[in-house]
N, C-alpha and C. Protein backbone atom coordinates (compact mmCIF):
# COMPACT_ATOMS: atom_id res chain seq x y z
N UNK A 1 0.80 -1.16 0.15
CA UNK A 1 0.17 -0.01 -0.06
C UNK A 1 1.02 1.22 0.09
N UNK A 2 0.64 2.13 -0.91
CA UNK A 2 1.53 3.24 -1.04
C UNK A 2 0.61 4.53 -0.70
N UNK A 3 1.09 5.36 0.33
CA UNK A 3 0.26 6.48 0.36
C UNK A 3 1.05 7.55 0.00
N UNK A 4 0.85 8.66 -0.21
CA UNK A 4 1.18 9.72 -0.93
C UNK A 4 0.49 11.01 -1.38
N UNK A 5 0.69 11.92 -1.85
CA UNK A 5 0.24 13.10 -2.03
C UNK A 5 -0.18 12.86 -3.89
N UNK A 6 -1.48 13.48 -4.25
CA UNK A 6 -1.99 13.32 -5.73
C UNK A 6 -1.45 14.72 -5.99
N UNK A 7 -0.36 14.94 -6.79
CA UNK A 7 0.25 16.09 -7.29
C UNK A 7 -0.77 16.57 -8.47
N UNK A 8 -1.18 17.94 -8.33
CA UNK A 8 -2.25 18.39 -9.60
C UNK A 8 -1.47 19.52 -9.98
N UNK A 9 -1.41 19.66 -11.29
CA UNK A 9 -0.73 20.61 -12.03
C UNK A 9 -1.42 22.05 -12.24
N UNK A 10 -0.77 23.07 -12.24
CA UNK A 10 -1.45 24.19 -12.46
C UNK A 10 -1.91 24.43 -13.94
N UNK A 11 -3.06 25.02 -13.93
CA UNK A 11 -3.42 25.00 -15.47
C UNK A 11 -2.64 25.84 -16.25
N UNK A 12 -2.51 25.49 -17.69
CA UNK A 12 -1.24 26.21 -18.51
C UNK A 12 -2.10 27.24 -18.79
N UNK A 13 -1.54 28.53 -18.62
CA UNK A 13 -2.06 29.85 -19.31
C UNK A 13 -2.07 29.80 -20.84
N UNK A 14 -3.25 30.45 -21.22
CA UNK A 14 -3.19 30.58 -22.53
C UNK A 14 -2.74 32.03 -22.87
N UNK A 15 -2.26 32.22 -24.17
CA UNK A 15 -1.64 33.48 -24.49
C UNK A 15 -3.25 34.28 -24.76
N UNK A 16 -3.05 35.72 -24.39
CA UNK A 16 -4.34 36.22 -24.71
C UNK A 16 -4.40 36.86 -26.35
N UNK A 17 -5.60 36.68 -26.89
CA UNK A 17 -6.00 37.35 -28.06
C UNK A 17 -6.05 38.60 -28.36
N UNK A 18 -4.88 39.23 -28.96
CA UNK A 18 -4.69 40.77 -28.69
C UNK A 18 -5.83 41.59 -29.19
N UNK A 19 -6.30 41.08 -30.41
CA UNK A 19 -7.30 41.94 -30.96
C UNK A 19 -8.73 41.79 -30.34
N UNK A 20 -9.11 40.50 -29.76
CA UNK A 20 -10.24 40.39 -28.97
C UNK A 20 -10.33 41.18 -27.54
N UNK A 21 -9.14 40.79 -27.09
CA UNK A 21 -8.87 41.53 -25.58
C UNK A 21 -9.13 42.84 -25.72
N UNK A 22 -8.14 43.50 -26.57
CA UNK A 22 -8.62 44.92 -26.86
C UNK A 22 -9.77 45.33 -27.30
N UNK A 23 -10.47 44.74 -28.02
CA UNK A 23 -12.06 45.18 -28.03
C UNK A 23 -12.76 44.89 -26.95
N UNK A 24 -12.63 44.00 -26.33
CA UNK A 24 -13.30 43.75 -24.97
C UNK A 24 -13.08 44.92 -24.15
N UNK A 25 -12.10 45.21 -23.88
CA UNK A 25 -11.50 46.48 -22.96
C UNK A 25 -12.04 47.82 -23.32
N UNK A 26 -12.09 47.92 -24.95
CA UNK A 26 -12.75 49.22 -25.34
C UNK A 26 -14.31 49.09 -25.20
N UNK A 27 -14.86 48.02 -25.31
CA UNK A 27 -16.46 47.73 -25.15
C UNK A 27 -16.75 48.08 -23.72
N UNK A 28 -15.99 47.64 -22.82
CA UNK A 28 -16.07 47.81 -21.05
C UNK A 28 -16.05 49.38 -21.00
N UNK A 29 -14.73 49.65 -21.46
CA UNK A 29 -14.66 51.38 -21.18
C UNK A 29 -15.52 52.17 -21.84
N UNK A 30 -16.01 52.03 -23.14
CA UNK A 30 -17.08 52.89 -23.84
C UNK A 30 -18.48 52.77 -22.85
N UNK A 31 -18.61 51.61 -22.43
CA UNK A 31 -20.06 51.38 -21.68
C UNK A 31 -19.97 52.12 -20.28
N UNK A 32 -18.95 52.37 -19.63
CA UNK A 32 -18.75 53.04 -18.32
C UNK A 32 -19.50 52.26 -17.30
N UNK A 33 -19.55 51.20 -17.40
CA UNK A 33 -20.40 50.39 -16.10
C UNK A 33 -20.00 48.87 -16.42
N UNK A 34 -20.07 48.04 -15.57
CA UNK A 34 -19.98 46.57 -15.64
C UNK A 34 -21.04 45.92 -16.48
N UNK A 35 -20.55 44.86 -17.27
CA UNK A 35 -21.43 44.23 -18.22
C UNK A 35 -21.38 42.94 -17.91
N UNK A 36 -22.41 42.22 -18.26
CA UNK A 36 -22.28 40.66 -17.96
C UNK A 36 -21.72 39.91 -19.25
N UNK A 37 -21.33 38.90 -19.27
CA UNK A 37 -20.71 38.13 -20.36
C UNK A 37 -21.81 38.17 -21.51
N UNK A 38 -22.99 37.88 -21.39
CA UNK A 38 -24.19 38.08 -22.46
C UNK A 38 -23.86 39.50 -23.13
N UNK A 39 -24.01 40.53 -22.30
CA UNK A 39 -23.86 41.73 -22.77
C UNK A 39 -22.66 42.02 -23.47
N UNK A 40 -21.61 41.47 -23.44
CA UNK A 40 -20.10 41.74 -23.91
C UNK A 40 -20.21 40.88 -25.21
N UNK A 41 -20.79 39.57 -25.36
CA UNK A 41 -20.93 38.96 -26.27
C UNK A 41 -21.62 39.33 -27.60
N UNK A 42 -22.98 40.03 -27.01
CA UNK A 42 -23.71 40.68 -27.87
C UNK A 42 -22.87 41.74 -28.73
N UNK A 43 -22.48 42.70 -27.89
CA UNK A 43 -21.72 43.99 -28.47
C UNK A 43 -20.65 43.63 -29.24
N UNK A 44 -20.00 42.37 -28.94
CA UNK A 44 -18.84 41.84 -29.95
C UNK A 44 -19.28 41.19 -31.15
N UNK A 45 -20.40 40.67 -31.02
CA UNK A 45 -21.01 39.99 -32.28
C UNK A 45 -21.50 40.97 -33.23
N UNK A 46 -22.00 42.18 -32.68
CA UNK A 46 -22.51 43.29 -33.68
C UNK A 46 -21.01 43.67 -34.42
N UNK A 47 -20.05 43.90 -33.53
CA UNK A 47 -18.99 44.74 -33.88
C UNK A 47 -17.95 43.66 -35.03
N UNK A 48 -18.01 42.54 -34.84
CA UNK A 48 -17.09 41.54 -35.48
C UNK A 48 -18.16 40.66 -36.39
N UNK A 49 -19.64 41.18 -36.41
CA UNK A 49 -20.43 40.05 -37.32
C UNK A 49 -20.03 38.85 -37.16
N UNK A 50 -20.39 38.34 -35.86
CA UNK A 50 -20.04 36.74 -35.62
C UNK A 50 -21.26 36.82 -34.58
N UNK A 51 -21.94 35.61 -34.52
CA UNK A 51 -22.86 35.01 -33.75
C UNK A 51 -22.46 33.54 -33.41
N UNK A 52 -21.74 32.69 -33.95
CA UNK A 52 -21.37 31.47 -34.02
C UNK A 52 -21.06 30.96 -32.64
N UNK A 53 -21.38 29.78 -32.28
CA UNK A 53 -21.00 29.23 -31.01
C UNK A 53 -19.68 29.21 -30.73
N UNK A 54 -18.73 29.11 -31.43
CA UNK A 54 -16.98 28.99 -31.10
C UNK A 54 -16.80 30.56 -31.00
N UNK A 55 -17.37 31.50 -31.47
CA UNK A 55 -17.21 32.90 -31.19
C UNK A 55 -17.40 33.24 -29.71
N UNK A 56 -18.68 32.54 -29.38
CA UNK A 56 -18.97 32.87 -28.11
C UNK A 56 -18.13 32.22 -27.03
N UNK A 57 -17.77 31.06 -27.21
CA UNK A 57 -16.97 30.35 -26.37
C UNK A 57 -15.36 30.82 -26.32
N UNK A 58 -15.09 31.74 -27.31
CA UNK A 58 -13.80 32.19 -27.47
C UNK A 58 -13.79 33.56 -26.66
N UNK A 59 -14.86 34.32 -26.63
CA UNK A 59 -14.87 35.41 -25.89
C UNK A 59 -15.13 35.01 -24.33
N UNK A 60 -15.63 33.98 -24.16
CA UNK A 60 -15.83 33.62 -22.71
C UNK A 60 -14.59 33.15 -22.16
N UNK A 61 -13.59 32.50 -23.07
CA UNK A 61 -12.49 32.06 -22.42
C UNK A 61 -11.58 33.37 -22.30
N UNK A 62 -11.58 34.35 -23.12
CA UNK A 62 -10.78 35.56 -22.93
C UNK A 62 -11.25 36.38 -21.96
N UNK A 63 -12.64 36.24 -21.65
CA UNK A 63 -13.01 36.96 -20.47
C UNK A 63 -12.48 36.18 -18.88
N UNK A 64 -12.28 34.76 -19.17
CA UNK A 64 -11.89 34.30 -17.76
C UNK A 64 -10.27 34.18 -17.79
N UNK A 65 -9.71 34.55 -18.75
CA UNK A 65 -8.27 34.76 -19.03
C UNK A 65 -7.86 36.38 -18.42
N UNK A 66 -8.64 37.22 -18.87
CA UNK A 66 -8.61 38.54 -18.36
C UNK A 66 -8.76 38.73 -16.72
N UNK A 67 -9.55 37.99 -16.41
CA UNK A 67 -9.83 37.84 -14.72
C UNK A 67 -8.45 37.06 -14.05
N UNK A 68 -8.12 36.09 -14.66
CA UNK A 68 -6.80 35.30 -14.26
C UNK A 68 -5.54 36.41 -14.35
N UNK A 69 -5.60 37.03 -15.43
CA UNK A 69 -4.54 38.11 -15.68
C UNK A 69 -4.43 39.27 -14.81
N UNK A 70 -5.72 39.61 -14.00
CA UNK A 70 -5.87 40.58 -13.37
C UNK A 70 -6.21 41.94 -14.18
N UNK A 71 -6.55 42.05 -15.50
CA UNK A 71 -6.98 43.00 -16.17
C UNK A 71 -8.44 43.31 -15.92
N UNK A 72 -9.41 42.41 -15.73
CA UNK A 72 -10.79 42.37 -15.48
C UNK A 72 -11.16 42.06 -14.13
N UNK A 73 -12.28 42.60 -13.52
CA UNK A 73 -12.68 42.23 -12.11
C UNK A 73 -13.87 41.45 -12.42
N UNK A 74 -14.29 40.07 -11.79
CA UNK A 74 -15.81 39.71 -11.75
C UNK A 74 -16.16 39.62 -10.58
N UNK A 75 -17.53 40.19 -10.61
CA UNK A 75 -18.41 40.16 -9.36
C UNK A 75 -19.81 39.82 -9.74
N UNK A 76 -20.40 38.94 -9.12
CA UNK A 76 -21.83 38.75 -9.17
C UNK A 76 -22.18 38.68 -10.77
N UNK A 77 -21.06 37.87 -11.45
CA UNK A 77 -21.51 37.59 -13.08
C UNK A 77 -21.33 38.86 -13.82
N UNK A 78 -20.83 39.85 -13.45
CA UNK A 78 -20.38 40.82 -14.34
C UNK A 78 -18.99 41.42 -14.19
N UNK A 79 -18.60 41.80 -15.39
CA UNK A 79 -17.36 42.20 -15.39
C UNK A 79 -16.91 43.65 -15.54
N UNK A 80 -15.77 44.05 -14.93
CA UNK A 80 -15.58 45.47 -14.89
C UNK A 80 -13.97 45.78 -15.06
N UNK A 81 -13.64 46.83 -15.49
CA UNK A 81 -12.30 47.31 -15.71
C UNK A 81 -11.66 47.18 -14.14
N UNK A 82 -10.23 46.52 -13.90
CA UNK A 82 -9.76 46.88 -12.68
C UNK A 82 -8.64 47.76 -12.58
N UNK A 83 -7.67 47.65 -13.76
CA UNK A 83 -6.75 48.19 -13.71
C UNK A 83 -6.88 49.94 -13.99
N UNK A 84 -5.95 50.67 -13.17
CA UNK A 84 -5.87 52.21 -13.39
C UNK A 84 -5.05 52.57 -14.42
N UNK A 85 -4.24 51.40 -15.05
CA UNK A 85 -3.53 51.55 -16.09
C UNK A 85 -3.86 51.03 -17.17
N UNK A 86 -4.83 51.31 -17.68
CA UNK A 86 -5.74 50.81 -18.95
C UNK A 86 -4.99 51.38 -19.82
N UNK A 87 -4.62 52.60 -20.17
CA UNK A 87 -3.89 53.03 -21.50
C UNK A 87 -2.80 52.20 -21.63
N UNK A 88 -2.04 51.75 -20.49
CA UNK A 88 -0.63 50.92 -20.71
C UNK A 88 -0.90 49.33 -21.24
N UNK A 89 -2.16 48.93 -20.73
CA UNK A 89 -2.64 47.71 -21.35
C UNK A 89 -3.12 47.82 -22.66
N UNK A 90 -3.78 48.58 -23.02
CA UNK A 90 -4.30 48.98 -24.55
C UNK A 90 -3.29 48.87 -25.33
N UNK A 91 -2.11 49.74 -25.03
CA UNK A 91 -0.88 49.84 -25.87
C UNK A 91 -0.21 48.55 -26.12
N UNK A 92 -0.13 48.00 -24.90
CA UNK A 92 0.54 46.43 -25.00
C UNK A 92 -0.08 45.46 -26.14
N UNK A 93 -1.51 45.82 -26.24
CA UNK A 93 -2.32 45.02 -26.73
C UNK A 93 -2.27 45.21 -28.54
N UNK A 94 -1.84 46.15 -28.66
CA UNK A 94 -1.83 46.90 -30.12
C UNK A 94 -0.91 45.85 -30.92
N UNK A 95 -1.47 45.18 -31.91
CA UNK A 95 -0.56 44.25 -32.94
C UNK A 95 0.73 45.11 -33.34
N UNK A 96 1.90 44.49 -33.23
CA UNK A 96 2.87 45.27 -33.76
C UNK A 96 3.00 45.04 -35.29
N UNK A 97 3.23 45.89 -36.09
CA UNK A 97 3.13 45.58 -37.46
C UNK A 97 4.82 45.19 -38.35
N UNK A 98 5.69 44.96 -37.28
CA UNK A 98 7.02 44.49 -37.73
C UNK A 98 7.18 43.13 -37.56
N UNK A 99 6.31 42.27 -37.10
CA UNK A 99 6.48 40.93 -36.63
C UNK A 99 5.62 40.04 -37.40
């Protein structure tokens, strides 16, 4: 009989999708209020002209990642901007043209 601890790995962090994340931040900034994931998906669906389930899944994953990275705050199923350095974050998410 072998006793021991079961080791659990930390979940692997995904890379942020820069264009989608930047657009999510812009939508939250322009609304000037916390928004639910459904409201965010609806606003992004109009902007990107996509409403398929894969797009909705990707937006939800991006929202979860933004909370993990500390960019967004989630309370009672609504997302709001967390950082006071929003301009810095948006600048870092701008796609570079030289790469």
